[in-house]
Structures are given as structure tokens and as C-alpha cells.
Amino acid sequence: MRRTAMAVLLIAYVGTAAAADAAKSAKAQKAPLLEKLSCQTGPNDHQARLIVEMVKGRPMEFAFYSRLGTRVCSVHGRRGDAYSKWEDEEDGKTAVKLYSGNADLEYKPGYFKLKFAGVGRMHYCGMHGELNGVVEVIAKKPECEVEGVFESGVPE
């Protein structure tokens, strides 16, 4: 009987500790369950767009589109697809190896930054050169912050 009482007390203590830990982790997790961010900048013939989706604070998918006159470029990546390899790092950062080049993703609730490095324009855009640059989207702000994505990347 004494053993049974001790076992019951031990189970109750462990259950209470587990519930307290779950409550602490729920408070510490600031990222919403599902967050979608999007932005667009520029007029129709000189624009960039970015749409991203995060689940439980992890980037799951991104779609980038840019247009400069008649030159159109589109890069899409989805976690688990056959065309990219995703690796989570610390502090909300994710490295994505694309078919040609890399994309570094940085996420904080309400903020997302996409940085392209050495992305082959021939594969994604049908033109020579590399796509290098940064696109940032902030929640409740319709315009993207864009740097370097409209440059040709063709060595002179």
C-alpha cells in the first residue's frame, strides 16, 4: 500500500512538472502556428514580389518573382521538394540549396528576409548571369525592401 501511494505521488509530480514545462514552452514560442507574408514593389514593368509561408516558426515555402521590362525571373522553393535542400540553423535562419545557387532565409515573427547568392539566372529566368540580392518583407507593410535583385550579375 505504501508503494502504491508513493507511485501515485510520483506520477502526479511528474505530470505536474510536464504540464508546467509545456506551459513555459508555449509562452516562449512567439511565432504563430501559420504565418503568411507577402509584398510587392514597383510598377508592372519594374517589380519584385515575394510570398512566404511559415509553420511553427519554420519557413516552409517561398516564391520570388521579378520583372524588369521583358525580363522575367521566378524562383520557388518548398521544403521537401525535389529541387531544393533545406537545412535549419539557429536563430530562425534556414539555408536552402537550390538547383543552381543558394538562398538564405531569416525569419522572425512578422519579418522575413531572403538572400540569394549565386543563383543561376539561366535555370530560373532563361538569361545569362546570376541572381544575387536581398528581399525583405515586413508584416502589414505592402512594399518589399529590395537590394541587388535587378542587377544583371553578368561579369564584364
N, C-alpha and C. Protein backbone atom coordinates (compact mmCIF):
# COMPACT_ATOMS: atom_id res chain seq x y z
N MET A 1 0.82 -1.19 0.00
CA MET A 1 0.00 0.00 0.00
C MET A 1 0.87 1.26 0.00
N ARG A 2 1.92 1.20 0.76
CA ARG A 2 2.82 2.34 0.82
C ARG A 2 3.47 2.56 -0.56
N ARG A 3 3.85 1.48 -1.23
CA ARG A 3 4.44 1.58 -2.56
C ARG A 3 3.46 2.18 -3.56
N THR A 4 2.22 1.77 -3.44
CA THR A 4 1.20 2.30 -4.35
C THR A 4 1.02 3.80 -4.14
N ALA A 5 0.99 4.23 -2.89
CA ALA A 5 0.84 5.66 -2.58
C ALA A 5 2.03 6.44 -3.12
N MET A 6 3.24 5.90 -2.95
CA MET A 6 4.45 6.56 -3.46
C MET A 6 4.40 6.66 -4.99
N ALA A 7 3.94 5.59 -5.63
CA ALA A 7 3.86 5.59 -7.09
C ALA A 7 2.86 6.63 -7.58
N VAL A 8 1.72 6.73 -6.90
CA VAL A 8 0.71 7.71 -7.28
C VAL A 8 1.26 9.13 -7.12
N LEU A 9 1.94 9.40 -5.99
CA LEU A 9 2.53 10.72 -5.77
C LEU A 9 3.59 11.04 -6.82
N LEU A 10 4.41 10.05 -7.15
CA LEU A 10 5.45 10.26 -8.14
C LEU A 10 4.85 10.56 -9.52
N ILE A 11 3.82 9.83 -9.90
CA ILE A 11 3.15 10.06 -11.18
C ILE A 11 2.51 11.45 -11.20
N ALA A 12 1.88 11.85 -10.10
CA ALA A 12 1.25 13.17 -10.04
C ALA A 12 2.31 14.27 -10.14
N TYR A 13 3.45 14.09 -9.48
CA TYR A 13 4.53 15.08 -9.54
C TYR A 13 5.09 15.22 -10.95
N VAL A 14 5.35 14.09 -11.60
CA VAL A 14 5.90 14.11 -12.95
C VAL A 14 4.90 14.74 -13.91
N GLY A 15 3.63 14.42 -13.76
CA GLY A 15 2.60 15.01 -14.62
C GLY A 15 2.51 16.51 -14.45
N THR A 16 2.61 17.00 -13.21
CA THR A 16 2.57 18.44 -12.94
C THR A 16 3.79 19.13 -13.53
N ALA A 17 4.96 18.52 -13.41
CA ALA A 17 6.18 19.10 -13.97
C ALA A 17 6.11 19.16 -15.49
N ALA A 18 5.57 18.11 -16.10
CA ALA A 18 5.44 18.10 -17.56
C ALA A 18 4.46 19.18 -18.03
N ALA A 19 3.38 19.36 -17.30
CA ALA A 19 2.40 20.39 -17.66
C ALA A 19 3.01 21.78 -17.52
N ALA A 20 3.81 21.98 -16.47
CA ALA A 20 4.47 23.27 -16.28
C ALA A 20 5.47 23.55 -17.40
N ASP A 21 6.23 22.52 -17.80
CA ASP A 21 7.17 22.68 -18.90
C ASP A 21 6.45 23.00 -20.20
N ALA A 22 5.32 22.37 -20.44
CA ALA A 22 4.55 22.63 -21.66
C ALA A 22 4.03 24.07 -21.66
N ALA A 23 3.59 24.55 -20.50
CA ALA A 23 3.10 25.92 -20.41
C ALA A 23 4.23 26.92 -20.65
N LYS A 24 5.42 26.64 -20.12
CA LYS A 24 6.57 27.53 -20.33
C LYS A 24 6.95 27.57 -21.81
N SER A 25 6.98 26.40 -22.46
CA SER A 25 7.36 26.38 -23.88
C SER A 25 6.32 27.07 -24.73
N ALA A 26 5.05 27.01 -24.35
CA ALA A 26 4.00 27.69 -25.10
C ALA A 26 4.17 29.21 -25.00
N LYS A 27 4.57 29.69 -23.82
CA LYS A 27 4.81 31.11 -23.65
C LYS A 27 6.06 31.55 -24.40
N ALA A 28 7.10 30.71 -24.40
CA ALA A 28 8.35 31.06 -25.06
C ALA A 28 8.19 31.08 -26.58
N GLN A 29 7.28 30.29 -27.12
CA GLN A 29 7.07 30.24 -28.57
C GLN A 29 6.23 31.45 -28.98
N LYS A 30 6.88 32.43 -29.60
CA LYS A 30 6.18 33.64 -30.01
C LYS A 30 5.66 33.54 -31.43
N ALA A 31 6.21 32.63 -32.21
CA ALA A 31 5.80 32.51 -33.61
C ALA A 31 4.40 31.92 -33.70
N PRO A 32 3.56 32.48 -34.55
CA PRO A 32 2.23 31.90 -34.73
C PRO A 32 2.31 30.54 -35.42
N LEU A 33 1.24 29.76 -35.31
CA LEU A 33 1.20 28.44 -35.92
C LEU A 33 1.42 28.52 -37.43
N LEU A 34 0.71 29.40 -38.08
CA LEU A 34 0.84 29.59 -39.54
C LEU A 34 0.92 31.08 -39.81
N GLU A 35 1.96 31.47 -40.53
CA GLU A 35 2.10 32.87 -40.90
C GLU A 35 2.45 32.97 -42.37
N LYS A 36 1.72 33.82 -43.08
CA LYS A 36 1.98 34.08 -44.49
C LYS A 36 2.30 35.56 -44.64
N LEU A 37 3.40 35.84 -45.31
CA LEU A 37 3.80 37.21 -45.56
C LEU A 37 3.96 37.40 -47.06
N SER A 38 3.61 38.57 -47.55
CA SER A 38 3.78 38.87 -48.97
C SER A 38 4.04 40.35 -49.15
N CYS A 39 4.71 40.66 -50.24
CA CYS A 39 4.98 42.06 -50.56
C CYS A 39 5.19 42.20 -52.06
N GLN A 40 5.10 43.44 -52.51
CA GLN A 40 5.31 43.77 -53.92
C GLN A 40 5.89 45.17 -53.96
N THR A 41 6.81 45.39 -54.88
CA THR A 41 7.37 46.72 -55.02
C THR A 41 7.52 47.07 -56.50
N GLY A 42 7.28 48.31 -56.81
CA GLY A 42 7.47 48.80 -58.16
C GLY A 42 6.27 48.65 -59.07
N PRO A 43 6.32 49.37 -60.22
CA PRO A 43 5.24 49.25 -61.22
C PRO A 43 5.37 47.93 -61.99
N ASN A 44 4.41 47.65 -62.86
CA ASN A 44 4.36 46.37 -63.57
C ASN A 44 5.62 46.03 -64.35
N ASP A 45 6.27 46.99 -64.96
CA ASP A 45 7.44 46.67 -65.78
C ASP A 45 8.77 46.72 -65.02
N HIS A 46 8.72 46.97 -63.71
CA HIS A 46 9.93 47.00 -62.89
C HIS A 46 9.52 46.63 -61.46
N GLN A 47 9.23 45.37 -61.24
CA GLN A 47 8.72 44.99 -59.95
C GLN A 47 9.36 43.73 -59.39
N ALA A 48 9.20 43.56 -58.09
CA ALA A 48 9.61 42.33 -57.40
C ALA A 48 8.49 41.95 -56.44
N ARG A 49 8.28 40.66 -56.31
CA ARG A 49 7.26 40.15 -55.38
C ARG A 49 7.85 39.01 -54.59
N LEU A 50 7.38 38.85 -53.37
CA LEU A 50 7.81 37.75 -52.52
C LEU A 50 6.63 37.29 -51.69
N ILE A 51 6.43 35.98 -51.66
CA ILE A 51 5.40 35.37 -50.83
C ILE A 51 6.08 34.26 -50.04
N VAL A 52 5.88 34.23 -48.73
CA VAL A 52 6.49 33.21 -47.89
C VAL A 52 5.45 32.64 -46.94
N GLU A 53 5.68 31.39 -46.54
CA GLU A 53 4.79 30.72 -45.60
C GLU A 53 5.63 30.04 -44.53
N MET A 54 5.30 30.32 -43.27
CA MET A 54 5.98 29.70 -42.14
C MET A 54 5.00 28.90 -41.31
N VAL A 55 5.44 27.75 -40.83
CA VAL A 55 4.63 26.92 -39.95
C VAL A 55 5.43 26.69 -38.68
N LYS A 56 4.86 27.07 -37.56
CA LYS A 56 5.50 26.95 -36.25
C LYS A 56 6.90 27.57 -36.24
N GLY A 57 7.04 28.71 -36.88
CA GLY A 57 8.30 29.44 -36.88
C GLY A 57 9.34 28.93 -37.85
N ARG A 58 9.00 27.96 -38.68
CA ARG A 58 9.92 27.43 -39.69
C ARG A 58 9.45 27.80 -41.08
N PRO A 59 10.32 28.40 -41.89
CA PRO A 59 9.93 28.67 -43.28
C PRO A 59 9.64 27.35 -44.01
N MET A 60 8.52 27.30 -44.68
CA MET A 60 8.13 26.08 -45.39
C MET A 60 8.14 26.27 -46.91
N GLU A 61 7.92 27.52 -47.36
CA GLU A 61 7.84 27.75 -48.79
C GLU A 61 8.07 29.23 -49.08
N PHE A 62 8.72 29.51 -50.22
CA PHE A 62 8.86 30.88 -50.67
C PHE A 62 8.70 30.92 -52.18
N ALA A 63 8.22 32.04 -52.67
CA ALA A 63 8.09 32.26 -54.11
C ALA A 63 8.52 33.69 -54.39
N PHE A 64 9.53 33.84 -55.23
CA PHE A 64 10.04 35.15 -55.62
C PHE A 64 9.79 35.35 -57.11
N TYR A 65 9.38 36.54 -57.47
CA TYR A 65 9.11 36.88 -58.86
C TYR A 65 9.63 38.29 -59.10
N SER A 66 10.34 38.47 -60.20
CA SER A 66 10.77 39.82 -60.55
C SER A 66 10.58 40.03 -62.05
N ARG A 67 10.40 41.28 -62.40
CA ARG A 67 10.22 41.64 -63.81
C ARG A 67 10.93 42.97 -64.04
N LEU A 68 11.75 42.98 -65.06
CA LEU A 68 12.44 44.20 -65.48
C LEU A 68 12.27 44.30 -66.98
N GLY A 69 11.28 45.08 -67.39
CA GLY A 69 10.93 45.17 -68.81
C GLY A 69 10.37 43.83 -69.28
N THR A 70 11.04 43.22 -70.26
CA THR A 70 10.58 41.92 -70.75
C THR A 70 11.29 40.75 -70.06
N ARG A 71 12.24 41.06 -69.18
CA ARG A 71 12.97 40.01 -68.47
C ARG A 71 12.22 39.62 -67.20
N VAL A 72 11.81 38.37 -67.12
CA VAL A 72 11.04 37.86 -66.00
C VAL A 72 11.83 36.76 -65.32
N CYS A 73 11.79 36.75 -64.00
CA CYS A 73 12.51 35.74 -63.23
C CYS A 73 11.59 35.21 -62.12
N SER A 74 11.61 33.90 -61.91
CA SER A 74 10.76 33.29 -60.90
C SER A 74 11.52 32.17 -60.19
N VAL A 75 11.64 32.27 -58.86
CA VAL A 75 12.32 31.27 -58.06
C VAL A 75 11.36 30.81 -56.98
N HIS A 76 11.17 29.49 -56.90
CA HIS A 76 10.24 28.91 -55.94
C HIS A 76 10.93 27.79 -55.20
N GLY A 77 10.72 27.72 -53.90
CA GLY A 77 11.26 26.62 -53.11
C GLY A 77 10.26 26.18 -52.07
N ARG A 78 10.13 24.88 -51.89
CA ARG A 78 9.22 24.32 -50.89
C ARG A 78 9.96 23.21 -50.16
N ARG A 79 9.88 23.26 -48.86
CA ARG A 79 10.54 22.25 -48.03
C ARG A 79 10.07 20.86 -48.45
N GLY A 80 11.03 19.98 -48.73
CA GLY A 80 10.71 18.61 -49.10
C GLY A 80 10.54 18.38 -50.59
N ASP A 81 10.67 19.43 -51.41
CA ASP A 81 10.51 19.21 -52.84
C ASP A 81 11.79 18.58 -53.41
N ALA A 82 11.74 18.20 -54.67
CA ALA A 82 12.87 17.51 -55.30
C ALA A 82 13.93 18.46 -55.82
N TYR A 83 13.69 19.77 -55.75
CA TYR A 83 14.59 20.73 -56.38
C TYR A 83 15.41 21.57 -55.40
N SER A 84 15.21 21.37 -54.12
CA SER A 84 15.94 22.15 -53.13
C SER A 84 16.21 21.31 -51.89
N LYS A 85 17.25 21.70 -51.17
CA LYS A 85 17.60 21.02 -49.93
C LYS A 85 17.62 22.07 -48.82
N TRP A 86 16.81 21.86 -47.78
CA TRP A 86 16.64 22.83 -46.70
C TRP A 86 17.38 22.35 -45.46
N GLU A 87 18.06 23.28 -44.80
CA GLU A 87 18.77 22.95 -43.56
C GLU A 87 18.53 24.08 -42.56
N ASP A 88 17.87 23.75 -41.46
CA ASP A 88 17.59 24.75 -40.42
C ASP A 88 18.85 25.01 -39.61
N GLU A 89 19.06 26.27 -39.32
CA GLU A 89 20.16 26.69 -38.47
C GLU A 89 19.56 27.32 -37.22
N GLU A 90 20.37 27.92 -36.40
CA GLU A 90 19.84 28.52 -35.18
C GLU A 90 19.32 29.93 -35.42
N ASP A 91 18.57 30.44 -34.48
CA ASP A 91 18.04 31.81 -34.51
C ASP A 91 17.14 32.09 -35.70
N GLY A 92 16.33 31.15 -36.11
CA GLY A 92 15.36 31.39 -37.17
C GLY A 92 15.94 31.47 -38.56
N LYS A 93 17.15 30.99 -38.77
CA LYS A 93 17.77 31.02 -40.08
C LYS A 93 17.70 29.65 -40.74
N THR A 94 17.56 29.66 -42.05
CA THR A 94 17.49 28.43 -42.84
C THR A 94 18.32 28.61 -44.10
N ALA A 95 19.14 27.62 -44.41
CA ALA A 95 19.93 27.63 -45.64
C ALA A 95 19.25 26.72 -46.64
N VAL A 96 19.05 27.21 -47.85
CA VAL A 96 18.39 26.44 -48.90
C VAL A 96 19.34 26.32 -50.08
N LYS A 97 19.66 25.08 -50.44
CA LYS A 97 20.46 24.85 -51.64
C LYS A 97 19.49 24.62 -52.77
N LEU A 98 19.52 25.53 -53.74
CA LEU A 98 18.63 25.44 -54.89
C LEU A 98 19.30 24.63 -55.99
N TYR A 99 18.58 24.42 -57.07
CA TYR A 99 19.14 23.70 -58.21
C TYR A 99 20.42 24.37 -58.68
N SER A 100 20.41 25.68 -58.68
CA SER A 100 21.58 26.46 -59.08
C SER A 100 21.72 27.64 -58.12
N GLY A 101 22.59 27.54 -57.14
CA GLY A 101 22.82 28.62 -56.18
C GLY A 101 22.19 28.34 -54.84
N ASN A 102 22.21 29.37 -53.99
CA ASN A 102 21.73 29.24 -52.61
C ASN A 102 20.79 30.38 -52.25
N ALA A 103 19.95 30.11 -51.27
CA ALA A 103 19.10 31.13 -50.69
C ALA A 103 19.20 31.00 -49.18
N ASP A 104 19.45 32.11 -48.52
CA ASP A 104 19.48 32.13 -47.06
C ASP A 104 18.21 32.81 -46.59
N LEU A 105 17.50 32.14 -45.69
CA LEU A 105 16.24 32.65 -45.18
C LEU A 105 16.41 33.02 -43.72
N GLU A 106 15.83 34.13 -43.34
CA GLU A 106 15.84 34.55 -41.94
C GLU A 106 14.43 34.94 -41.56
N TYR A 107 13.93 34.36 -40.47
CA TYR A 107 12.55 34.61 -40.06
C TYR A 107 12.48 35.00 -38.59
N LYS A 108 11.70 36.02 -38.35
CA LYS A 108 11.26 36.41 -37.01
C LYS A 108 9.78 36.71 -37.17
N PRO A 109 8.96 36.51 -36.16
CA PRO A 109 7.54 36.80 -36.33
C PRO A 109 7.30 38.20 -36.90
N GLY A 110 6.62 38.24 -38.03
CA GLY A 110 6.32 39.49 -38.71
C GLY A 110 7.42 40.01 -39.62
N TYR A 111 8.50 39.26 -39.79
CA TYR A 111 9.63 39.70 -40.60
C TYR A 111 10.26 38.50 -41.30
N PHE A 112 10.60 38.68 -42.58
CA PHE A 112 11.26 37.62 -43.34
C PHE A 112 12.26 38.25 -44.29
N LYS A 113 13.44 37.64 -44.37
CA LYS A 113 14.49 38.13 -45.25
C LYS A 113 14.98 36.98 -46.12
N LEU A 114 15.03 37.20 -47.41
CA LEU A 114 15.50 36.22 -48.40
C LEU A 114 16.74 36.79 -49.07
N LYS A 115 17.83 36.04 -49.00
CA LYS A 115 19.08 36.49 -49.61
C LYS A 115 19.54 35.46 -50.62
N PHE A 116 19.61 35.86 -51.89
CA PHE A 116 20.08 34.98 -52.96
C PHE A 116 21.60 35.13 -53.11
N ALA A 117 22.27 34.01 -53.38
CA ALA A 117 23.71 34.02 -53.62
C ALA A 117 24.04 33.04 -54.73
N GLY A 118 24.50 33.56 -55.86
CA GLY A 118 24.93 32.72 -56.97
C GLY A 118 23.85 31.91 -57.64
N VAL A 119 22.62 32.39 -57.63
CA VAL A 119 21.51 31.67 -58.25
C VAL A 119 21.59 31.88 -59.77
N GLY A 120 21.72 30.79 -60.50
CA GLY A 120 21.87 30.88 -61.96
C GLY A 120 20.60 31.38 -62.63
N ARG A 121 20.72 32.52 -63.29
CA ARG A 121 19.56 33.09 -63.97
C ARG A 121 19.11 32.22 -65.16
N MET A 122 20.01 31.46 -65.74
CA MET A 122 19.63 30.66 -66.90
C MET A 122 18.56 29.63 -66.50
N HIS A 123 18.74 29.00 -65.37
CA HIS A 123 17.77 27.98 -64.95
C HIS A 123 16.43 28.59 -64.55
N TYR A 124 16.46 29.69 -63.82
CA TYR A 124 15.22 30.26 -63.28
C TYR A 124 14.62 31.37 -64.14
N CYS A 125 15.45 32.02 -64.95
CA CYS A 125 14.97 33.20 -65.68
C CYS A 125 15.17 33.09 -67.19
N GLY A 126 15.98 32.14 -67.64
CA GLY A 126 16.22 31.99 -69.06
C GLY A 126 17.16 33.04 -69.63
N MET A 127 18.05 33.56 -68.80
CA MET A 127 19.02 34.56 -69.27
C MET A 127 20.36 34.34 -68.57
N HIS A 128 21.40 34.95 -69.09
CA HIS A 128 22.73 34.78 -68.53
C HIS A 128 22.89 35.58 -67.24
N GLY A 129 23.85 35.16 -66.43
CA GLY A 129 24.18 35.88 -65.21
C GLY A 129 23.70 35.15 -63.97
N GLU A 130 23.88 35.82 -62.84
CA GLU A 130 23.50 35.27 -61.54
C GLU A 130 22.55 36.23 -60.83
N LEU A 131 21.71 35.66 -60.04
CA LEU A 131 20.80 36.43 -59.20
C LEU A 131 21.42 36.52 -57.81
N ASN A 132 21.78 37.71 -57.41
CA ASN A 132 22.33 37.98 -56.08
C ASN A 132 21.57 39.18 -55.54
N GLY A 133 21.12 39.09 -54.33
CA GLY A 133 20.42 40.22 -53.76
C GLY A 133 19.60 39.82 -52.56
N VAL A 134 18.93 40.81 -52.00
CA VAL A 134 18.16 40.63 -50.77
C VAL A 134 16.76 41.19 -50.97
N VAL A 135 15.78 40.45 -50.46
CA VAL A 135 14.39 40.91 -50.44
C VAL A 135 13.88 40.72 -49.03
N GLU A 136 13.29 41.78 -48.46
CA GLU A 136 12.76 41.72 -47.11
C GLU A 136 11.27 42.07 -47.13
N VAL A 137 10.53 41.34 -46.32
CA VAL A 137 9.10 41.62 -46.18
C VAL A 137 8.79 41.77 -44.69
N ILE A 138 7.99 42.79 -44.40
CA ILE A 138 7.58 43.07 -43.03
C ILE A 138 6.07 43.02 -42.99
N ALA A 139 5.52 42.37 -41.97
CA ALA A 139 4.07 42.24 -41.84
C ALA A 139 3.41 43.61 -41.84
N LYS A 140 2.27 43.69 -42.44
CA LYS A 140 1.45 44.91 -42.52
C LYS A 140 2.13 46.02 -43.31
N LYS A 141 3.16 45.67 -44.08
CA LYS A 141 3.80 46.63 -44.96
C LYS A 141 3.74 46.04 -46.36
N PRO A 142 2.99 46.66 -47.29
CA PRO A 142 2.78 46.04 -48.60
C PRO A 142 4.00 46.05 -49.52
N GLU A 143 4.96 46.94 -49.27
CA GLU A 143 6.11 47.03 -50.17
C GLU A 143 7.31 46.26 -49.63
N CYS A 144 8.03 45.62 -50.55
CA CYS A 144 9.25 44.89 -50.22
C CYS A 144 10.42 45.86 -50.12
N GLU A 145 11.39 45.50 -49.33
CA GLU A 145 12.68 46.16 -49.34
C GLU A 145 13.56 45.31 -50.25
N VAL A 146 14.06 45.88 -51.34
CA VAL A 146 14.79 45.13 -52.36
C VAL A 146 16.18 45.73 -52.53
N GLU A 147 17.17 44.84 -52.63
CA GLU A 147 18.54 45.30 -52.87
C GLU A 147 19.27 44.32 -53.78
N GLY A 148 19.67 44.76 -54.96
CA GLY A 148 20.53 43.98 -55.85
C GLY A 148 19.87 42.97 -56.75
N VAL A 149 18.58 42.72 -56.65
CA VAL A 149 17.96 41.67 -57.45
C VAL A 149 17.75 42.07 -58.91
N PHE A 150 17.82 43.36 -59.21
CA PHE A 150 17.63 43.81 -60.59
C PHE A 150 18.96 43.95 -61.34
N GLU A 151 20.05 43.74 -60.66
CA GLU A 151 21.35 43.82 -61.33
C GLU A 151 21.58 42.55 -62.12
N SER A 152 22.27 42.65 -63.25
CA SER A 152 22.36 41.52 -64.18
C SER A 152 23.22 40.39 -63.67
N GLY A 153 24.27 40.66 -62.94
CA GLY A 153 25.15 39.60 -62.46
C GLY A 153 26.01 39.00 -63.53
N VAL A 154 26.07 39.62 -64.70
CA VAL A 154 26.92 39.13 -65.79
C VAL A 154 28.30 39.77 -65.63
N PRO A 155 29.37 38.97 -65.53
CA PRO A 155 30.71 39.56 -65.40
C PRO A 155 31.07 40.36 -66.66
N GLU A 156 31.70 41.51 -66.45
CA GLU A 156 32.06 42.37 -67.57
C GLU A 156 33.47 42.09 -68.04
